[in-house]
């Protein structure tokens, strides 16, 4: 399997929503309190779930430099960490909800960034 295919496939490891949110939060400098809260670096708790909240997903994408590309039936979220030479993209099929697919693609890309920080 080539590099792009491994990245798209999550390098062979499927993640639960919880694992994705924890890694995405790590990438954004947050700590998740399952299921819908996160702790900011200053210790304050906020409601946070970019899998269900458009605003949280957009803020996550902006903070991490994730670029979503929305096509007819899929969303692609591109990510890169130039300092470590890693990057790739995550694809999500729209099915019946292109908004949910776009949020999930962003969170999956953020989780890959968080995984690179481990």
N, C-alpha and C. Protein backbone atom coordinates (compact mmCIF):
# COMPACT_ATOMS: atom_id res chain seq x y z
N UNK A 1 0.85 -1.18 0.00
CA UNK A 1 0.00 0.00 0.00
C UNK A 1 0.90 1.24 0.00
N UNK A 2 0.59 2.24 -0.85
CA UNK A 2 1.42 3.44 -0.89
C UNK A 2 1.10 4.36 0.28
N UNK A 3 1.94 5.39 0.45
CA UNK A 3 1.81 6.31 1.58
C UNK A 3 0.42 6.94 1.66
N UNK A 4 -0.10 7.45 0.53
CA UNK A 4 -1.41 8.10 0.54
C UNK A 4 -2.49 7.13 0.97
N UNK A 5 -2.45 5.91 0.48
CA UNK A 5 -3.48 4.93 0.85
C UNK A 5 -3.40 4.59 2.33
N UNK A 6 -2.20 4.48 2.89
CA UNK A 6 -2.06 4.20 4.33
C UNK A 6 -2.65 5.34 5.15
N UNK A 7 -2.40 6.56 4.71
CA UNK A 7 -2.90 7.71 5.45
C UNK A 7 -4.42 7.76 5.37
N UNK A 8 -4.99 7.55 4.18
CA UNK A 8 -6.44 7.56 4.02
C UNK A 8 -7.06 6.47 4.88
N UNK A 9 -6.44 5.32 4.93
CA UNK A 9 -6.97 4.20 5.70
C UNK A 9 -6.65 4.33 7.18
N UNK A 10 -6.05 5.43 7.61
CA UNK A 10 -5.70 5.59 9.02
C UNK A 10 -4.58 4.65 9.41
N UNK A 11 -3.75 4.28 8.44
CA UNK A 11 -2.62 3.39 8.66
C UNK A 11 -3.06 2.09 9.32
N UNK A 12 -4.23 1.60 8.88
CA UNK A 12 -4.67 0.29 9.32
C UNK A 12 -5.37 0.25 10.65
N UNK A 13 -5.58 1.39 11.30
CA UNK A 13 -6.20 1.39 12.62
C UNK A 13 -7.47 2.24 12.59
N UNK A 14 -8.61 1.61 12.82
CA UNK A 14 -9.86 2.34 12.93
C UNK A 14 -9.93 2.92 14.34
N UNK A 15 -10.46 4.14 14.43
CA UNK A 15 -10.58 4.80 15.72
C UNK A 15 -12.05 4.95 16.09
N UNK A 16 -12.32 4.85 17.37
CA UNK A 16 -13.67 5.16 17.85
C UNK A 16 -13.83 6.68 17.87
N UNK A 17 -15.07 7.14 18.00
CA UNK A 17 -15.30 8.58 18.11
C UNK A 17 -14.54 9.15 19.30
N UNK A 18 -14.54 8.42 20.38
CA UNK A 18 -13.85 8.90 21.58
C UNK A 18 -12.35 9.06 21.32
N UNK A 19 -11.74 8.05 20.71
CA UNK A 19 -10.31 8.13 20.40
C UNK A 19 -10.02 9.29 19.46
N UNK A 20 -10.89 9.46 18.45
CA UNK A 20 -10.70 10.58 17.51
C UNK A 20 -10.78 11.91 18.23
N UNK A 21 -11.79 12.07 19.09
CA UNK A 21 -11.95 13.34 19.80
C UNK A 21 -10.78 13.61 20.74
N UNK A 22 -10.30 12.57 21.42
CA UNK A 22 -9.16 12.76 22.33
C UNK A 22 -7.91 13.18 21.57
N UNK A 23 -7.63 12.55 20.43
CA UNK A 23 -6.46 12.91 19.64
C UNK A 23 -6.62 14.29 19.00
N UNK A 24 -7.83 14.60 18.52
CA UNK A 24 -8.09 15.92 17.94
C UNK A 24 -7.92 17.01 19.00
N UNK A 25 -8.43 16.74 20.20
CA UNK A 25 -8.28 17.70 21.29
C UNK A 25 -6.81 17.91 21.62
N UNK A 26 -6.06 16.83 21.67
CA UNK A 26 -4.62 16.93 21.94
C UNK A 26 -3.94 17.84 20.92
N UNK A 27 -4.29 17.66 19.65
CA UNK A 27 -3.70 18.48 18.60
C UNK A 27 -4.05 19.95 18.79
N UNK A 28 -5.24 20.21 19.33
CA UNK A 28 -5.71 21.59 19.53
C UNK A 28 -5.32 22.16 20.89
N UNK A 29 -4.60 21.38 21.70
CA UNK A 29 -4.18 21.86 23.01
C UNK A 29 -5.27 21.78 24.06
N UNK A 30 -6.23 20.87 23.86
CA UNK A 30 -7.33 20.67 24.80
C UNK A 30 -7.25 19.28 25.40
N UNK A 31 -8.03 19.06 26.45
CA UNK A 31 -8.19 17.73 27.02
C UNK A 31 -9.68 17.44 27.07
N UNK A 32 -10.10 16.30 26.53
CA UNK A 32 -11.52 15.96 26.45
C UNK A 32 -12.02 15.41 27.77
N UNK A 33 -13.21 15.89 28.17
CA UNK A 33 -13.98 15.28 29.24
C UNK A 33 -15.18 14.67 28.52
N UNK A 34 -15.19 13.37 28.38
CA UNK A 34 -16.17 12.69 27.54
C UNK A 34 -17.57 12.91 28.05
N UNK A 35 -18.58 13.14 27.23
CA UNK A 35 -18.51 13.14 25.79
C UNK A 35 -18.49 14.53 25.16
N UNK A 36 -18.98 15.57 25.82
CA UNK A 36 -19.17 16.85 25.13
C UNK A 36 -18.47 18.03 25.79
N UNK A 37 -17.39 17.78 26.49
CA UNK A 37 -16.67 18.87 27.13
C UNK A 37 -15.19 18.73 26.90
N UNK A 38 -14.50 19.85 27.01
CA UNK A 38 -13.04 19.85 26.93
C UNK A 38 -12.52 20.84 27.95
N UNK A 39 -11.28 20.66 28.34
CA UNK A 39 -10.62 21.56 29.28
C UNK A 39 -9.58 22.35 28.51
N UNK A 40 -9.67 23.68 28.63
CA UNK A 40 -8.70 24.57 28.00
C UNK A 40 -7.38 24.53 28.76
N UNK A 41 -6.30 25.00 28.15
CA UNK A 41 -5.01 25.02 28.85
C UNK A 41 -5.04 25.78 30.17
N UNK A 42 -5.94 26.79 30.29
CA UNK A 42 -6.01 27.55 31.55
C UNK A 42 -6.89 26.87 32.60
N UNK A 43 -7.43 25.68 32.29
CA UNK A 43 -8.20 24.91 33.25
C UNK A 43 -9.70 25.08 33.14
N UNK A 44 -10.17 26.04 32.33
CA UNK A 44 -11.61 26.23 32.18
C UNK A 44 -12.21 25.10 31.34
N UNK A 45 -13.44 24.74 31.67
CA UNK A 45 -14.17 23.69 30.94
C UNK A 45 -15.12 24.35 29.95
N UNK A 46 -15.19 23.79 28.74
CA UNK A 46 -16.10 24.30 27.72
C UNK A 46 -16.85 23.14 27.08
N UNK A 47 -18.03 23.43 26.51
CA UNK A 47 -18.72 22.43 25.69
C UNK A 47 -17.92 22.30 24.41
N UNK A 48 -17.64 21.08 23.98
CA UNK A 48 -16.82 20.88 22.78
C UNK A 48 -17.08 19.52 22.18
N UNK A 49 -17.58 19.50 20.96
CA UNK A 49 -17.71 18.26 20.22
C UNK A 49 -17.77 18.59 18.73
N UNK A 50 -16.60 18.63 18.07
CA UNK A 50 -16.57 18.98 16.66
C UNK A 50 -17.21 17.92 15.75
N UNK A 51 -17.55 16.76 16.29
CA UNK A 51 -18.28 15.78 15.48
C UNK A 51 -19.75 16.16 15.32
N UNK A 52 -20.27 16.97 16.24
CA UNK A 52 -21.68 17.34 16.19
C UNK A 52 -21.90 18.85 16.05
N UNK A 53 -20.88 19.65 16.28
CA UNK A 53 -21.03 21.11 16.27
C UNK A 53 -20.22 21.73 15.14
N UNK A 54 -20.92 22.40 14.21
CA UNK A 54 -20.24 23.01 13.05
C UNK A 54 -19.18 24.02 13.49
N UNK A 55 -19.50 24.84 14.48
CA UNK A 55 -18.56 25.86 14.94
C UNK A 55 -17.30 25.26 15.54
N UNK A 56 -17.48 24.22 16.35
CA UNK A 56 -16.30 23.55 16.93
C UNK A 56 -15.43 22.95 15.83
N UNK A 57 -16.07 22.35 14.82
CA UNK A 57 -15.31 21.74 13.72
C UNK A 57 -14.56 22.81 12.93
N UNK A 58 -15.20 23.94 12.65
CA UNK A 58 -14.54 25.00 11.89
C UNK A 58 -13.37 25.59 12.69
N UNK A 59 -13.58 25.83 13.98
CA UNK A 59 -12.47 26.36 14.81
C UNK A 59 -11.31 25.38 14.85
N UNK A 60 -11.60 24.09 14.93
CA UNK A 60 -10.55 23.06 14.93
C UNK A 60 -9.78 23.10 13.61
N UNK A 61 -10.50 23.17 12.49
CA UNK A 61 -9.86 23.22 11.18
C UNK A 61 -8.97 24.45 11.05
N UNK A 62 -9.46 25.61 11.48
CA UNK A 62 -8.68 26.84 11.38
C UNK A 62 -7.44 26.77 12.27
N UNK A 63 -7.62 26.33 13.51
CA UNK A 63 -6.49 26.27 14.45
C UNK A 63 -5.38 25.36 13.94
N UNK A 64 -5.74 24.24 13.30
CA UNK A 64 -4.75 23.26 12.88
C UNK A 64 -4.38 23.37 11.40
N UNK A 65 -4.97 24.32 10.69
CA UNK A 65 -4.65 24.49 9.28
C UNK A 65 -5.16 23.36 8.40
N UNK A 66 -6.27 22.78 8.79
CA UNK A 66 -6.89 21.71 8.00
C UNK A 66 -7.75 22.35 6.92
N UNK A 67 -7.60 21.88 5.70
CA UNK A 67 -8.34 22.43 4.58
C UNK A 67 -9.38 21.44 4.08
N UNK A 68 -10.67 21.74 4.31
CA UNK A 68 -11.70 20.85 3.78
C UNK A 68 -12.01 21.19 2.32
N UNK A 69 -12.18 20.16 1.51
CA UNK A 69 -12.62 20.30 0.12
C UNK A 69 -13.91 19.51 0.01
N UNK A 70 -15.00 20.19 -0.34
CA UNK A 70 -16.30 19.55 -0.39
C UNK A 70 -16.67 19.32 -1.85
N UNK A 71 -16.88 18.06 -2.18
CA UNK A 71 -17.25 17.67 -3.53
C UNK A 71 -18.69 17.17 -3.53
N UNK A 72 -19.16 16.67 -4.65
CA UNK A 72 -20.55 16.24 -4.79
C UNK A 72 -20.95 15.18 -3.77
N UNK A 73 -20.12 14.17 -3.58
CA UNK A 73 -20.53 13.08 -2.69
C UNK A 73 -19.54 12.78 -1.58
N UNK A 74 -18.41 13.49 -1.52
CA UNK A 74 -17.43 13.28 -0.46
C UNK A 74 -16.85 14.60 0.01
N UNK A 75 -16.30 14.58 1.20
CA UNK A 75 -15.49 15.69 1.70
C UNK A 75 -14.09 15.16 1.95
N UNK A 76 -13.11 15.92 1.53
CA UNK A 76 -11.70 15.60 1.76
C UNK A 76 -11.15 16.67 2.69
N UNK A 77 -10.47 16.26 3.75
CA UNK A 77 -9.83 17.20 4.67
C UNK A 77 -8.33 16.98 4.59
N UNK A 78 -7.60 17.98 4.10
CA UNK A 78 -6.15 17.89 3.98
C UNK A 78 -5.49 18.45 5.22
N UNK A 79 -4.40 17.79 5.63
CA UNK A 79 -3.65 18.24 6.80
C UNK A 79 -2.16 18.09 6.53
N UNK A 80 -1.37 18.88 7.24
CA UNK A 80 0.08 18.80 7.09
C UNK A 80 0.76 19.29 8.36
N UNK A 81 1.89 18.67 8.64
CA UNK A 81 2.78 19.13 9.71
C UNK A 81 4.16 19.24 9.08
N UNK A 82 4.46 20.38 8.48
CA UNK A 82 5.73 20.52 7.77
C UNK A 82 6.96 20.25 8.63
N UNK A 83 6.89 20.59 9.92
CA UNK A 83 8.05 20.41 10.79
C UNK A 83 8.47 18.97 10.96
N UNK A 84 7.53 18.03 10.77
CA UNK A 84 7.89 16.61 10.88
C UNK A 84 7.73 15.88 9.56
N UNK A 85 7.42 16.63 8.49
CA UNK A 85 7.31 16.02 7.18
C UNK A 85 6.16 15.05 7.03
N UNK A 86 5.07 15.29 7.75
CA UNK A 86 3.89 14.41 7.66
C UNK A 86 2.71 15.20 7.12
N UNK A 87 1.82 14.50 6.49
CA UNK A 87 0.60 15.12 5.98
C UNK A 87 -0.21 14.09 5.25
N UNK A 88 -1.39 14.48 4.85
CA UNK A 88 -2.25 13.56 4.12
C UNK A 88 -3.65 14.12 4.01
N UNK A 89 -4.60 13.24 3.85
CA UNK A 89 -5.98 13.67 3.74
C UNK A 89 -6.88 12.57 4.27
N UNK A 90 -8.06 12.97 4.67
CA UNK A 90 -9.09 12.05 5.14
C UNK A 90 -10.33 12.27 4.29
N UNK A 91 -10.96 11.20 3.88
CA UNK A 91 -12.17 11.25 3.06
C UNK A 91 -13.37 10.76 3.85
N UNK A 92 -14.49 11.41 3.66
CA UNK A 92 -15.76 10.96 4.25
C UNK A 92 -16.85 11.08 3.20
N UNK A 93 -17.61 10.02 3.02
CA UNK A 93 -18.74 10.02 2.11
C UNK A 93 -19.88 10.83 2.71
N UNK A 94 -20.57 11.61 1.90
CA UNK A 94 -21.66 12.44 2.40
C UNK A 94 -22.87 11.65 2.83
N UNK A 95 -23.14 10.53 2.19
CA UNK A 95 -24.36 9.77 2.45
C UNK A 95 -25.54 10.74 2.46
N UNK A 96 -26.25 10.86 3.58
CA UNK A 96 -27.40 11.77 3.64
C UNK A 96 -27.08 13.11 4.28
N UNK A 97 -25.85 13.30 4.77
CA UNK A 97 -25.54 14.50 5.54
C UNK A 97 -24.14 15.02 5.23
N UNK A 98 -24.01 15.93 4.26
CA UNK A 98 -22.69 16.45 3.92
C UNK A 98 -22.06 17.26 5.06
N UNK A 99 -22.89 17.83 5.93
CA UNK A 99 -22.36 18.61 7.05
C UNK A 99 -21.68 17.69 8.06
N UNK A 100 -22.32 16.58 8.40
CA UNK A 100 -21.73 15.61 9.32
C UNK A 100 -20.48 15.00 8.72
N UNK A 101 -20.49 14.73 7.43
CA UNK A 101 -19.32 14.15 6.77
C UNK A 101 -18.15 15.13 6.80
N UNK A 102 -18.43 16.41 6.62
CA UNK A 102 -17.37 17.42 6.65
C UNK A 102 -16.79 17.55 8.05
N UNK A 103 -17.66 17.56 9.06
CA UNK A 103 -17.17 17.62 10.45
C UNK A 103 -16.31 16.41 10.76
N UNK A 104 -16.76 15.22 10.35
CA UNK A 104 -16.01 13.99 10.64
C UNK A 104 -14.67 14.00 9.91
N UNK A 105 -14.63 14.45 8.67
CA UNK A 105 -13.36 14.51 7.94
C UNK A 105 -12.37 15.43 8.65
N UNK A 106 -12.86 16.56 9.14
CA UNK A 106 -12.00 17.50 9.88
C UNK A 106 -11.48 16.85 11.16
N UNK A 107 -12.35 16.20 11.91
CA UNK A 107 -11.93 15.56 13.17
C UNK A 107 -10.95 14.43 12.90
N UNK A 108 -11.18 13.66 11.85
CA UNK A 108 -10.24 12.58 11.51
C UNK A 108 -8.87 13.14 11.15
N UNK A 109 -8.84 14.25 10.40
CA UNK A 109 -7.56 14.88 10.06
C UNK A 109 -6.88 15.41 11.32
N UNK A 110 -7.66 16.04 12.20
CA UNK A 110 -7.09 16.55 13.46
C UNK A 110 -6.56 15.42 14.32
N UNK A 111 -7.25 14.28 14.32
CA UNK A 111 -6.79 13.12 15.09
C UNK A 111 -5.45 12.62 14.56
N UNK A 112 -5.26 12.65 13.25
CA UNK A 112 -3.96 12.25 12.69
C UNK A 112 -2.86 13.21 13.14
N UNK A 113 -3.17 14.49 13.21
CA UNK A 113 -2.19 15.45 13.73
C UNK A 113 -1.87 15.11 15.18
N UNK A 114 -2.91 14.84 15.98
CA UNK A 114 -2.71 14.46 17.37
C UNK A 114 -1.90 13.19 17.50
N UNK A 115 -2.14 12.24 16.62
CA UNK A 115 -1.36 10.99 16.65
C UNK A 115 0.12 11.26 16.39
N UNK A 116 0.41 12.20 15.52
CA UNK A 116 1.81 12.55 15.23
C UNK A 116 2.50 13.19 16.43
N UNK A 117 1.71 13.69 17.38
CA UNK A 117 2.27 14.35 18.57
C UNK A 117 2.60 13.35 19.66
N UNK A 118 2.17 12.09 19.49
CA UNK A 118 2.40 11.08 20.53
C UNK A 118 3.85 10.62 20.54
